[in-house]
Amino acid sequence: MSRKEEIYKPALVGKNIPILTLDNKWHRLFTQTEISPEIKLKEQELNDLLKRQGKLNNECKKLRSIKTKLRDEIVSLMDGGNESSAAQKKQEENKKLIEDCNERLEADQDELLDIEKEISTVNYELMLLSMEVCYEAIRDNTAEIEQIDKWINQMRIDLKKNVVRKQEKEVYNQNLYSYMHDIFGPEVIEIFDMKYNPAEKAPKTAGDKKS
């Protein structure tokens, strides 16, 4: 038993697995993740088996129809009381053809049994490959989600820190300007107001804008 079978088999016990290549939901899986070369090969193998199964079923249906017609001809000849050599020959020919049909039917039915087993095996293998690819994609995506989440959390922390630093620096500037104004007087500071005024440089709040 392969590693992936060891992992997934317990979850599949007793489950009725649909023929994947005939299931539209299976095809939709690979609109979400890339299909691997191994899956493509297994998909083709399963489709080839299904085509062969369909061909054999059609052949069996035709053979049964032929057998019915041949039997009806024999019954018709017997009911008609036709005992001519030509009629007897026709009956013998039909019987031989029926035997041939039976032999071909038996061979086809034996092959059908084998194909059914092969289809079940290949379908199971395709399912394991599909699960492996999908879970690998989920694992990779989950790892990326975790990295993005860490980045977002760090950005939130940095944002909060920078907001506090910005506020602290604005308060610092305003306090320093106020002290300078008190120390040097308004006339001297007025010269510097033309160059820099913390009250004007600081971003206005919503309340300030309204006032």
Protein backbone atom coordinates (compact mmCIF):
# COMPACT_ATOMS: atom_id res chain seq x y z
CA MET A 1 0.00 0.00 0.00
CA SER A 2 1.36 3.40 -1.00
CA ARG A 3 1.73 6.30 1.40
CA LYS A 4 -1.26 8.19 -0.01
CA GLU A 5 -3.42 5.07 0.24
CA GLU A 6 -2.48 4.75 3.92
CA ILE A 7 -3.60 8.33 4.47
CA TYR A 8 -6.83 8.37 2.47
CA LYS A 9 -8.09 4.77 2.45
CA PRO A 10 -9.68 4.81 5.95
CA ALA A 11 -11.82 7.79 4.90
CA LEU A 12 -13.01 5.92 1.79
CA VAL A 13 -14.16 2.68 3.37
CA GLY A 14 -17.77 1.98 2.42
CA LYS A 15 -18.00 5.05 0.19
CA ASN A 16 -19.66 4.80 -3.23
CA ILE A 17 -17.15 6.48 -5.54
CA PRO A 18 -18.66 7.83 -8.77
CA ILE A 19 -16.84 7.44 -12.08
CA LEU A 20 -14.82 10.62 -11.83
CA THR A 21 -14.42 11.45 -15.51
CA LEU A 22 -18.22 11.29 -15.88
CA ASP A 23 -18.75 13.60 -12.89
CA ASN A 24 -18.90 17.31 -13.73
CA LYS A 25 -17.95 18.18 -10.13
CA TRP A 26 -14.64 16.34 -10.56
CA HIS A 27 -13.85 18.38 -13.68
CA ARG A 28 -14.69 21.57 -11.77
CA LEU A 29 -12.00 20.69 -9.22
CA PHE A 30 -9.38 21.46 -11.83
CA THR A 31 -10.76 24.90 -12.53
CA GLN A 32 -9.43 25.64 -9.02
CA THR A 33 -6.09 23.86 -9.22
CA GLU A 34 -3.78 22.73 -12.00
CA ILE A 35 -4.22 19.20 -13.32
CA SER A 36 -1.05 17.10 -13.12
CA PRO A 37 0.41 14.97 -15.97
CA GLU A 38 -0.24 11.83 -13.87
CA ILE A 39 -3.92 12.72 -13.55
CA LYS A 40 -4.18 13.41 -17.29
CA LEU A 41 -2.75 9.97 -18.09
CA LYS A 42 -5.01 8.24 -15.56
CA GLU A 43 -8.02 10.19 -16.88
CA GLN A 44 -7.24 9.01 -20.43
CA GLU A 45 -6.81 5.42 -19.22
CA LEU A 46 -10.19 5.51 -17.49
CA ASN A 47 -11.91 7.07 -20.52
CA ASP A 48 -10.43 4.39 -22.80
CA LEU A 49 -11.81 1.68 -20.52
CA LEU A 50 -15.23 3.33 -20.48
CA LYS A 51 -15.24 3.52 -24.29
CA ARG A 52 -14.33 -0.16 -24.52
CA GLN A 53 -17.06 -0.98 -22.00
CA GLY A 54 -19.60 0.98 -24.03
CA LYS A 55 -18.54 -0.76 -27.24
CA LEU A 56 -18.85 -4.20 -25.66
CA ASN A 57 -22.27 -3.38 -24.20
CA ASN A 58 -23.49 -2.29 -27.64
CA GLU A 59 -22.05 -5.42 -29.19
CA CYS A 60 -23.79 -7.61 -26.60
CA LYS A 61 -27.06 -5.82 -27.30
CA LYS A 62 -26.70 -6.44 -31.05
CA LEU A 63 -25.80 -10.10 -30.51
CA ARG A 64 -28.87 -10.64 -28.35
CA SER A 65 -31.02 -9.00 -31.02
CA ILE A 66 -29.50 -11.25 -33.69
CA LYS A 67 -30.11 -14.33 -31.51
CA THR A 68 -33.76 -13.36 -31.10
CA LYS A 69 -34.22 -13.00 -34.87
CA LEU A 70 -32.48 -16.33 -35.54
CA ARG A 71 -34.67 -18.12 -32.98
CA ASP A 72 -37.79 -16.51 -34.43
CA GLU A 73 -36.81 -17.80 -37.89
CA ILE A 74 -36.31 -21.32 -36.55
CA VAL A 75 -39.67 -21.26 -34.76
CA SER A 76 -41.34 -19.88 -37.90
CA LEU A 77 -39.89 -22.68 -40.04
CA MET A 78 -40.95 -25.33 -37.54
CA ASP A 79 -44.46 -23.90 -37.13
CA GLY A 80 -44.87 -23.69 -40.89
CA GLY A 81 -44.34 -27.43 -41.19
CA ASN A 82 -41.71 -26.83 -43.82
CA GLU A 83 -39.53 -29.97 -43.76
CA SER A 84 -37.72 -29.36 -47.03
CA SER A 85 -33.96 -29.73 -47.15
CA ALA A 86 -33.62 -25.99 -47.66
CA ALA A 87 -35.70 -25.31 -44.53
CA GLN A 88 -33.73 -27.85 -42.50
CA LYS A 89 -30.49 -26.37 -43.79
CA LYS A 90 -31.67 -22.89 -42.80
CA GLN A 91 -32.51 -24.15 -39.30
CA GLU A 92 -29.07 -25.71 -38.94
CA GLU A 93 -27.41 -22.53 -40.16
CA ASN A 94 -29.39 -20.49 -37.66
CA LYS A 95 -28.49 -22.85 -34.83
CA LYS A 96 -24.81 -22.56 -35.77
CA LEU A 97 -25.11 -18.77 -35.87
CA ILE A 98 -26.80 -18.80 -32.46
CA GLU A 99 -23.91 -20.86 -31.07
CA ASP A 100 -21.47 -18.35 -32.55
CA CYS A 101 -23.45 -15.52 -30.93
CA ASN A 102 -23.37 -17.33 -27.59
CA GLU A 103 -19.61 -17.77 -27.81
CA ARG A 104 -19.07 -14.10 -28.65
CA LEU A 105 -21.49 -13.06 -25.90
CA GLU A 106 -19.67 -15.18 -23.37
CA ALA A 107 -16.31 -13.72 -24.42
CA ASP A 108 -17.69 -10.17 -24.33
CA GLN A 109 -19.29 -10.70 -20.93
CA ASP A 110 -16.05 -12.11 -19.52
CA GLU A 111 -14.18 -9.09 -20.86
CA LEU A 112 -16.85 -6.80 -19.42
CA LEU A 113 -16.32 -8.28 -15.98
CA ASP A 114 -12.59 -7.70 -16.29
CA ILE A 115 -13.14 -4.15 -17.54
CA GLU A 116 -15.49 -3.37 -14.66
CA LYS A 117 -12.74 -4.38 -12.23
CA GLU A 118 -10.19 -2.32 -14.16
CA ILE A 119 -12.51 0.70 -14.20
CA SER A 120 -12.98 0.43 -10.45
CA THR A 121 -9.22 0.17 -9.88
CA VAL A 122 -8.26 3.02 -12.24
CA ASN A 123 -11.07 5.21 -10.90
CA TYR A 124 -9.78 4.62 -7.35
CA GLU A 125 -6.24 5.47 -8.42
CA LEU A 126 -7.48 8.62 -10.16
CA MET A 127 -9.32 9.62 -7.01
CA LEU A 128 -6.17 9.19 -4.89
CA LEU A 129 -4.16 11.29 -7.35
CA SER A 130 -6.88 13.95 -7.36
CA MET A 131 -7.04 14.07 -3.57
CA GLU A 132 -3.26 14.30 -3.35
CA VAL A 133 -3.13 17.25 -5.78
CA CYS A 134 -6.05 19.07 -4.14
CA TYR A 135 -4.78 18.63 -0.59
CA GLU A 136 -1.32 19.73 -1.65
CA ALA A 137 -2.87 22.87 -3.16
CA ILE A 138 -4.83 23.44 0.06
CA ARG A 139 -1.68 23.00 2.17
CA ASP A 140 0.28 25.45 -0.01
CA ASN A 141 -2.58 27.94 0.04
CA THR A 142 -2.97 27.59 3.81
CA ALA A 143 0.74 28.27 4.32
CA GLU A 144 0.43 31.41 2.19
CA ILE A 145 -2.68 32.50 4.10
CA GLU A 146 -0.76 32.13 7.37
CA GLN A 147 2.11 34.26 6.00
CA ILE A 148 -0.31 36.95 4.83
CA ASP A 149 -2.07 36.86 8.19
CA LYS A 150 1.24 37.37 10.01
CA TRP A 151 2.05 40.28 7.69
CA ILE A 152 -1.38 41.86 8.34
CA ASN A 153 -0.99 41.47 12.11
CA GLN A 154 2.49 42.99 12.01
CA MET A 155 1.21 45.86 9.87
CA ARG A 156 -1.53 46.52 12.43
CA ILE A 157 1.06 46.61 15.23
CA ASP A 158 3.34 48.90 13.20
CA LEU A 159 0.40 51.14 12.30
CA LYS A 160 -0.60 51.55 15.94
CA LYS A 161 3.00 52.30 16.90
CA ASN A 162 3.38 54.88 14.13
CA VAL A 163 0.08 56.55 15.00
CA VAL A 164 1.30 56.97 18.58
CA ARG A 165 4.71 58.21 17.41
CA LYS A 166 3.05 60.70 15.05
CA GLN A 167 0.84 62.03 17.84
CA GLU A 168 3.80 62.28 20.22
CA LYS A 169 5.84 64.22 17.67
CA GLU A 170 2.96 66.59 16.95
CA VAL A 171 2.56 67.28 20.68
CA TYR A 172 6.32 67.75 20.97
CA ASN A 173 6.34 70.33 18.16
CA GLN A 174 3.38 72.19 19.58
CA ASN A 175 4.90 72.29 23.08
CA LEU A 176 8.29 73.40 21.77
CA TYR A 177 6.72 76.17 19.70
CA SER A 178 4.70 77.33 22.70
CA TYR A 179 7.80 77.49 24.90
CA MET A 180 9.71 79.39 22.22
CA HIS A 181 6.84 81.83 21.91
CA ASP A 182 6.86 82.44 25.66
CA ILE A 183 10.64 82.82 25.85
CA PHE A 184 11.45 84.86 22.75
CA GLY A 185 8.26 86.82 22.49
CA PRO A 186 5.74 87.13 19.68
CA GLU A 187 7.74 89.61 17.60
CA VAL A 188 10.70 87.24 17.14
CA ILE A 189 8.56 84.17 16.73
CA GLU A 190 6.39 85.93 14.15
CA ILE A 191 9.37 85.88 11.80
CA PHE A 192 9.60 82.11 12.16
CA ASP A 193 5.81 81.71 11.83
CA MET A 194 6.18 82.59 8.17
CA LYS A 195 8.49 79.57 7.79
CA TYR A 196 6.88 77.12 10.12
CA ASN A 197 3.81 76.98 12.34
CA PRO A 198 3.06 73.64 14.03
CA ALA A 199 -0.63 74.48 14.28
CA GLU A 200 -0.83 74.93 10.53
CA LYS A 201 1.42 71.99 9.67
CA ALA A 202 -0.46 69.54 11.89
CA PRO A 203 -3.32 67.68 10.13
CA LYS A 204 -6.70 69.12 11.08
CA THR A 205 -9.33 66.95 12.74
CA ALA A 206 -12.93 66.74 11.58
CA GLY A 207 -13.93 69.12 14.39
CA ASP A 208 -11.31 71.67 13.35
CA LYS A 209 -12.51 71.62 9.76
CA LYS A 210 -16.11 72.30 10.78
CA SER A 211 -15.10 75.20 13.01
